[in-house]
N, C-alpha and C. Protein backbone atom coordinates (compact mmCIF):
# COMPACT_ATOMS: atom_id res chain seq x y z
N MET A 1 0.85 -1.19 0.00
CA MET A 1 0.00 0.00 0.00
C MET A 1 0.88 1.23 0.00
N GLY A 2 0.49 2.25 -0.72
CA GLY A 2 1.28 3.47 -0.86
C GLY A 2 1.18 4.39 0.34
N LYS A 3 2.00 5.40 0.29
CA LYS A 3 2.01 6.40 1.35
C LYS A 3 0.70 7.18 1.35
N GLN A 4 0.13 7.40 2.54
CA GLN A 4 -1.12 8.14 2.63
C GLN A 4 -0.83 9.64 2.64
N THR A 5 -1.67 10.39 1.96
CA THR A 5 -1.53 11.84 1.96
C THR A 5 -2.19 12.39 3.21
N PRO A 6 -1.86 13.62 3.62
CA PRO A 6 -2.47 14.18 4.82
C PRO A 6 -3.99 14.24 4.76
N THR A 7 -4.55 14.36 3.56
CA THR A 7 -6.01 14.48 3.46
C THR A 7 -6.72 13.14 3.57
N THR A 8 -6.00 12.02 3.45
CA THR A 8 -6.66 10.71 3.51
C THR A 8 -6.28 9.91 4.74
N GLU A 9 -5.41 10.40 5.58
CA GLU A 9 -4.96 9.60 6.71
C GLU A 9 -6.04 9.33 7.75
N TYR A 10 -7.10 10.15 7.79
CA TYR A 10 -8.15 9.97 8.79
C TYR A 10 -9.32 9.14 8.27
N ILE A 11 -9.32 8.78 7.00
CA ILE A 11 -10.45 8.10 6.39
C ILE A 11 -10.35 6.59 6.62
N ASP A 12 -11.43 6.00 7.09
CA ASP A 12 -11.49 4.56 7.31
C ASP A 12 -12.80 4.04 6.70
N GLY A 13 -12.86 3.94 5.38
CA GLY A 13 -14.07 3.45 4.71
C GLY A 13 -15.07 4.56 4.47
N THR A 14 -16.01 4.73 5.37
CA THR A 14 -17.05 5.74 5.24
C THR A 14 -16.70 6.96 6.09
N ILE A 15 -16.87 8.13 5.52
CA ILE A 15 -16.60 9.36 6.26
C ILE A 15 -17.89 9.80 6.94
N THR A 16 -17.81 10.04 8.23
CA THR A 16 -18.97 10.50 9.00
C THR A 16 -18.81 11.97 9.34
N LEU A 17 -19.88 12.56 9.86
CA LEU A 17 -19.82 13.95 10.31
C LEU A 17 -18.74 14.11 11.37
N LYS A 18 -18.63 13.14 12.24
CA LYS A 18 -17.62 13.18 13.30
C LYS A 18 -16.21 13.23 12.72
N ASP A 19 -15.96 12.45 11.66
CA ASP A 19 -14.65 12.44 11.00
C ASP A 19 -14.33 13.80 10.39
N ILE A 20 -15.33 14.39 9.74
CA ILE A 20 -15.14 15.69 9.10
C ILE A 20 -14.85 16.76 10.15
N VAL A 21 -15.62 16.75 11.23
CA VAL A 21 -15.42 17.73 12.31
C VAL A 21 -14.03 17.57 12.91
N LYS A 22 -13.64 16.35 13.16
CA LYS A 22 -12.32 16.07 13.75
C LYS A 22 -11.19 16.57 12.85
N TYR A 23 -11.32 16.31 11.56
CA TYR A 23 -10.30 16.72 10.59
C TYR A 23 -10.19 18.24 10.50
N ILE A 24 -11.34 18.92 10.39
CA ILE A 24 -11.33 20.38 10.27
C ILE A 24 -10.83 21.02 11.56
N ALA A 25 -11.23 20.47 12.71
CA ALA A 25 -10.76 20.99 14.00
C ALA A 25 -9.25 20.88 14.10
N LYS A 26 -8.71 19.78 13.64
CA LYS A 26 -7.25 19.57 13.66
C LYS A 26 -6.54 20.55 12.74
N LYS A 27 -7.11 20.78 11.56
CA LYS A 27 -6.49 21.69 10.58
C LYS A 27 -6.58 23.15 10.98
N THR A 28 -7.70 23.55 11.61
CA THR A 28 -7.92 24.97 11.90
C THR A 28 -7.63 25.37 13.33
N GLY A 29 -7.65 24.43 14.24
CA GLY A 29 -7.45 24.75 15.65
C GLY A 29 -8.70 25.32 16.31
N LYS A 30 -9.82 25.29 15.62
CA LYS A 30 -11.10 25.76 16.17
C LYS A 30 -11.75 24.66 16.99
N PRO A 31 -12.64 25.04 17.94
CA PRO A 31 -13.33 24.01 18.74
C PRO A 31 -14.28 23.16 17.89
N SER A 32 -14.34 21.87 18.23
CA SER A 32 -15.18 20.92 17.47
C SER A 32 -16.65 21.31 17.48
N ASP A 33 -17.15 21.82 18.60
CA ASP A 33 -18.57 22.20 18.69
C ASP A 33 -18.91 23.29 17.68
N GLU A 34 -18.02 24.25 17.52
CA GLU A 34 -18.24 25.35 16.57
C GLU A 34 -18.25 24.83 15.13
N ILE A 35 -17.32 23.96 14.82
CA ILE A 35 -17.24 23.40 13.47
C ILE A 35 -18.46 22.54 13.17
N LYS A 36 -18.89 21.74 14.14
CA LYS A 36 -20.07 20.89 13.95
C LYS A 36 -21.30 21.74 13.66
N LEU A 37 -21.45 22.85 14.37
CA LEU A 37 -22.57 23.76 14.14
C LEU A 37 -22.54 24.34 12.72
N ILE A 38 -21.36 24.74 12.27
CA ILE A 38 -21.21 25.30 10.92
C ILE A 38 -21.57 24.26 9.87
N ILE A 39 -21.08 23.04 10.03
CA ILE A 39 -21.38 21.99 9.05
C ILE A 39 -22.87 21.66 9.05
N ARG A 40 -23.49 21.59 10.22
CA ARG A 40 -24.94 21.33 10.29
C ARG A 40 -25.74 22.43 9.60
N GLU A 41 -25.35 23.68 9.78
CA GLU A 41 -26.03 24.80 9.11
C GLU A 41 -25.87 24.69 7.59
N PHE A 42 -24.68 24.31 7.16
CA PHE A 42 -24.42 24.12 5.74
C PHE A 42 -25.34 23.03 5.17
N LEU A 43 -25.43 21.91 5.87
CA LEU A 43 -26.31 20.82 5.42
C LEU A 43 -27.78 21.23 5.46
N ASP A 44 -28.16 22.04 6.46
CA ASP A 44 -29.54 22.54 6.52
C ASP A 44 -29.87 23.42 5.31
N CYS A 45 -28.89 24.19 4.85
CA CYS A 45 -29.10 25.01 3.65
C CYS A 45 -29.35 24.13 2.42
N ILE A 46 -28.61 23.04 2.31
CA ILE A 46 -28.79 22.12 1.19
C ILE A 46 -30.17 21.46 1.27
N ILE A 47 -30.58 21.09 2.48
CA ILE A 47 -31.91 20.48 2.68
C ILE A 47 -33.01 21.46 2.31
N MET A 48 -32.85 22.73 2.71
CA MET A 48 -33.86 23.74 2.40
C MET A 48 -33.96 23.93 0.88
N ALA A 49 -32.82 23.96 0.21
CA ALA A 49 -32.84 24.09 -1.25
C ALA A 49 -33.53 22.90 -1.90
N TYR A 50 -33.28 21.70 -1.37
CA TYR A 50 -33.92 20.49 -1.89
C TYR A 50 -35.43 20.57 -1.71
N ARG A 51 -35.86 21.03 -0.55
CA ARG A 51 -37.29 21.18 -0.27
C ARG A 51 -37.94 22.15 -1.26
N LEU A 52 -37.21 23.20 -1.64
CA LEU A 52 -37.74 24.19 -2.57
C LEU A 52 -37.47 23.82 -4.04
N ASN A 53 -36.87 22.65 -4.24
CA ASN A 53 -36.55 22.14 -5.58
C ASN A 53 -35.54 23.03 -6.32
N HIS A 54 -34.57 23.56 -5.59
CA HIS A 54 -33.51 24.39 -6.16
C HIS A 54 -32.22 23.60 -6.28
N ARG A 55 -31.41 24.00 -7.25
CA ARG A 55 -30.06 23.43 -7.36
C ARG A 55 -29.15 24.11 -6.35
N VAL A 56 -28.13 23.39 -5.91
CA VAL A 56 -27.10 23.98 -5.06
C VAL A 56 -25.78 23.80 -5.78
N LYS A 57 -25.19 24.92 -6.19
CA LYS A 57 -23.93 24.88 -6.91
C LYS A 57 -22.83 25.39 -6.00
N ILE A 58 -21.84 24.55 -5.76
CA ILE A 58 -20.68 24.94 -4.96
C ILE A 58 -19.51 25.02 -5.93
N PHE A 59 -19.06 26.23 -6.16
CA PHE A 59 -18.02 26.49 -7.16
C PHE A 59 -16.80 25.61 -6.93
N ASP A 60 -16.30 25.03 -8.00
CA ASP A 60 -15.14 24.14 -7.99
C ASP A 60 -15.33 22.88 -7.16
N PHE A 61 -16.57 22.51 -6.87
CA PHE A 61 -16.85 21.27 -6.15
C PHE A 61 -17.88 20.44 -6.90
N GLY A 62 -19.06 21.03 -7.13
CA GLY A 62 -20.10 20.31 -7.85
C GLY A 62 -21.47 20.92 -7.65
N ILE A 63 -22.47 20.25 -8.22
CA ILE A 63 -23.85 20.74 -8.17
C ILE A 63 -24.75 19.62 -7.65
N PHE A 64 -25.59 19.97 -6.66
CA PHE A 64 -26.63 19.08 -6.18
C PHE A 64 -27.88 19.40 -6.99
N ILE A 65 -28.39 18.43 -7.75
CA ILE A 65 -29.53 18.66 -8.64
C ILE A 65 -30.71 17.80 -8.19
N PRO A 66 -31.79 18.44 -7.69
CA PRO A 66 -32.97 17.65 -7.33
C PRO A 66 -33.75 17.25 -8.58
N TYR A 67 -34.33 16.06 -8.55
CA TYR A 67 -35.17 15.63 -9.66
C TYR A 67 -36.22 14.66 -9.14
N THR A 68 -37.23 14.44 -9.96
CA THR A 68 -38.30 13.51 -9.62
C THR A 68 -38.14 12.25 -10.44
N ALA A 69 -38.05 11.12 -9.75
CA ALA A 69 -37.94 9.83 -10.43
C ALA A 69 -39.32 9.19 -10.45
N TYR A 70 -39.76 8.81 -11.63
CA TYR A 70 -41.07 8.20 -11.77
C TYR A 70 -40.94 6.68 -11.83
N GLN A 71 -41.75 6.01 -11.05
CA GLN A 71 -41.74 4.56 -10.99
C GLN A 71 -42.49 4.01 -12.20
N THR A 72 -41.86 3.15 -12.97
CA THR A 72 -42.52 2.61 -14.16
C THR A 72 -43.04 1.20 -13.94
N ASN A 73 -42.52 0.52 -12.92
CA ASN A 73 -42.97 -0.86 -12.73
C ASN A 73 -44.19 -0.92 -11.81
N VAL A 74 -44.91 -2.01 -11.93
CA VAL A 74 -46.11 -2.25 -11.14
C VAL A 74 -45.83 -3.45 -10.25
N THR A 75 -46.13 -3.31 -8.96
CA THR A 75 -45.94 -4.41 -8.02
C THR A 75 -47.21 -5.25 -7.97
N SER A 76 -47.07 -6.55 -8.19
CA SER A 76 -48.21 -7.46 -8.12
C SER A 76 -48.15 -8.24 -6.82
N TYR A 77 -49.27 -8.31 -6.12
CA TYR A 77 -49.36 -9.04 -4.86
C TYR A 77 -50.05 -10.38 -5.09
N PRO A 78 -49.82 -11.35 -4.20
CA PRO A 78 -50.41 -12.70 -4.37
C PRO A 78 -51.93 -12.70 -4.45
N ASP A 79 -52.60 -11.73 -3.81
CA ASP A 79 -54.06 -11.72 -3.84
C ASP A 79 -54.61 -11.11 -5.13
N GLY A 80 -53.72 -10.77 -6.07
CA GLY A 80 -54.16 -10.27 -7.37
C GLY A 80 -54.19 -8.75 -7.48
N THR A 81 -53.99 -8.03 -6.37
CA THR A 81 -53.99 -6.58 -6.46
C THR A 81 -52.66 -6.08 -7.03
N LYS A 82 -52.72 -4.94 -7.64
CA LYS A 82 -51.52 -4.33 -8.22
C LYS A 82 -51.36 -2.93 -7.67
N LYS A 83 -50.13 -2.54 -7.50
CA LYS A 83 -49.86 -1.21 -6.95
C LYS A 83 -48.75 -0.54 -7.76
N ARG A 84 -48.99 0.68 -8.16
CA ARG A 84 -47.98 1.47 -8.87
C ARG A 84 -47.47 2.52 -7.90
N GLU A 85 -46.17 2.52 -7.71
CA GLU A 85 -45.56 3.50 -6.82
C GLU A 85 -45.60 4.88 -7.47
N GLY A 86 -45.77 5.89 -6.66
CA GLY A 86 -45.79 7.26 -7.16
C GLY A 86 -44.37 7.79 -7.37
N PRO A 87 -44.27 9.01 -7.83
CA PRO A 87 -42.95 9.59 -8.06
C PRO A 87 -42.21 9.82 -6.75
N THR A 88 -40.89 9.69 -6.81
CA THR A 88 -40.06 9.95 -5.64
C THR A 88 -39.06 11.05 -5.99
N ARG A 89 -38.74 11.86 -5.01
CA ARG A 89 -37.77 12.93 -5.22
C ARG A 89 -36.39 12.44 -4.82
N LYS A 90 -35.42 12.76 -5.65
CA LYS A 90 -34.04 12.34 -5.40
C LYS A 90 -33.11 13.51 -5.70
N ILE A 91 -31.84 13.32 -5.31
CA ILE A 91 -30.82 14.33 -5.61
C ILE A 91 -29.68 13.65 -6.35
N ARG A 92 -29.27 14.26 -7.43
CA ARG A 92 -28.11 13.80 -8.18
C ARG A 92 -26.97 14.78 -7.90
N PHE A 93 -25.78 14.28 -7.70
CA PHE A 93 -24.63 15.14 -7.50
C PHE A 93 -23.75 15.06 -8.71
N LYS A 94 -23.51 16.20 -9.33
CA LYS A 94 -22.64 16.27 -10.50
C LYS A 94 -21.33 16.90 -10.06
N ILE A 95 -20.28 16.10 -10.09
CA ILE A 95 -18.98 16.55 -9.60
C ILE A 95 -18.33 17.49 -10.63
N SER A 96 -17.59 18.48 -10.14
CA SER A 96 -16.98 19.46 -11.05
C SER A 96 -15.74 18.87 -11.73
N ARG A 97 -15.34 19.50 -12.82
CA ARG A 97 -14.15 19.05 -13.54
C ARG A 97 -12.90 19.19 -12.68
N ARG A 98 -12.85 20.25 -11.89
CA ARG A 98 -11.67 20.47 -11.06
C ARG A 98 -11.48 19.32 -10.06
N VAL A 99 -12.57 18.88 -9.45
CA VAL A 99 -12.48 17.77 -8.49
C VAL A 99 -12.11 16.48 -9.23
N THR A 100 -12.73 16.25 -10.38
CA THR A 100 -12.43 15.06 -11.18
C THR A 100 -10.95 15.03 -11.56
N ASN A 101 -10.43 16.17 -12.00
CA ASN A 101 -9.02 16.24 -12.38
C ASN A 101 -8.10 16.02 -11.17
N ARG A 102 -8.50 16.57 -10.03
CA ARG A 102 -7.69 16.41 -8.81
C ARG A 102 -7.64 14.94 -8.38
N ILE A 103 -8.78 14.26 -8.46
CA ILE A 103 -8.83 12.84 -8.10
C ILE A 103 -7.95 12.03 -9.04
N ALA A 104 -8.05 12.31 -10.34
CA ALA A 104 -7.24 11.59 -11.32
C ALA A 104 -5.76 11.84 -11.07
N LYS A 105 -5.41 13.06 -10.74
CA LYS A 105 -4.01 13.42 -10.46
C LYS A 105 -3.50 12.68 -9.23
N GLU A 106 -4.32 12.63 -8.16
CA GLU A 106 -3.92 11.94 -6.94
C GLU A 106 -3.80 10.44 -7.15
N LYS A 107 -4.69 9.86 -7.97
CA LYS A 107 -4.59 8.43 -8.28
C LYS A 107 -3.30 8.14 -9.03
N LYS A 108 -2.96 9.03 -9.96
CA LYS A 108 -1.74 8.86 -10.74
C LYS A 108 -0.51 8.95 -9.83
N LEU A 109 -0.52 9.91 -8.90
CA LEU A 109 0.58 10.04 -7.95
C LEU A 109 0.70 8.82 -7.06
N ALA A 110 -0.45 8.32 -6.57
CA ALA A 110 -0.46 7.14 -5.71
C ALA A 110 0.09 5.92 -6.47
N LYS A 111 -0.26 5.82 -7.72
CA LYS A 111 0.23 4.70 -8.53
C LYS A 111 1.74 4.79 -8.71
N ASN A 112 2.24 6.01 -8.92
CA ASN A 112 3.69 6.20 -9.08
C ASN A 112 4.43 5.91 -7.78
N ILE A 113 3.83 6.24 -6.64
CA ILE A 113 4.47 6.00 -5.34
C ILE A 113 4.56 4.50 -5.06
N GLU A 114 3.49 3.75 -5.45
CA GLU A 114 3.47 2.32 -5.22
C GLU A 114 4.53 1.59 -6.04
N GLU A 115 4.85 2.14 -7.20
CA GLU A 115 5.82 1.48 -8.10
C GLU A 115 7.20 1.73 -7.65
């Protein structure tokens, strides 16, 4: 396994809110409670935009795009009844080119380090 970069040393599979707070607190020297509050407010803004069916564009990161997915299949039950599910709301995340390029660059560096 290659050398871990400073940005990936705290990651163990799935990143949780606690991991993000811990990482930012370490980098900035700010109290964890303050950082957790800021991150929760940020997520609340995204939720509010989703509720209003608005896009959320974060420059050089990506766009959260809400959309409605329509169910096309029909569920049949043993008693002969059929049920069609209604539309569901979902969010698609479209990653920016800058992030995509950065990931590709880091993968290339990691591959070179392993060799």
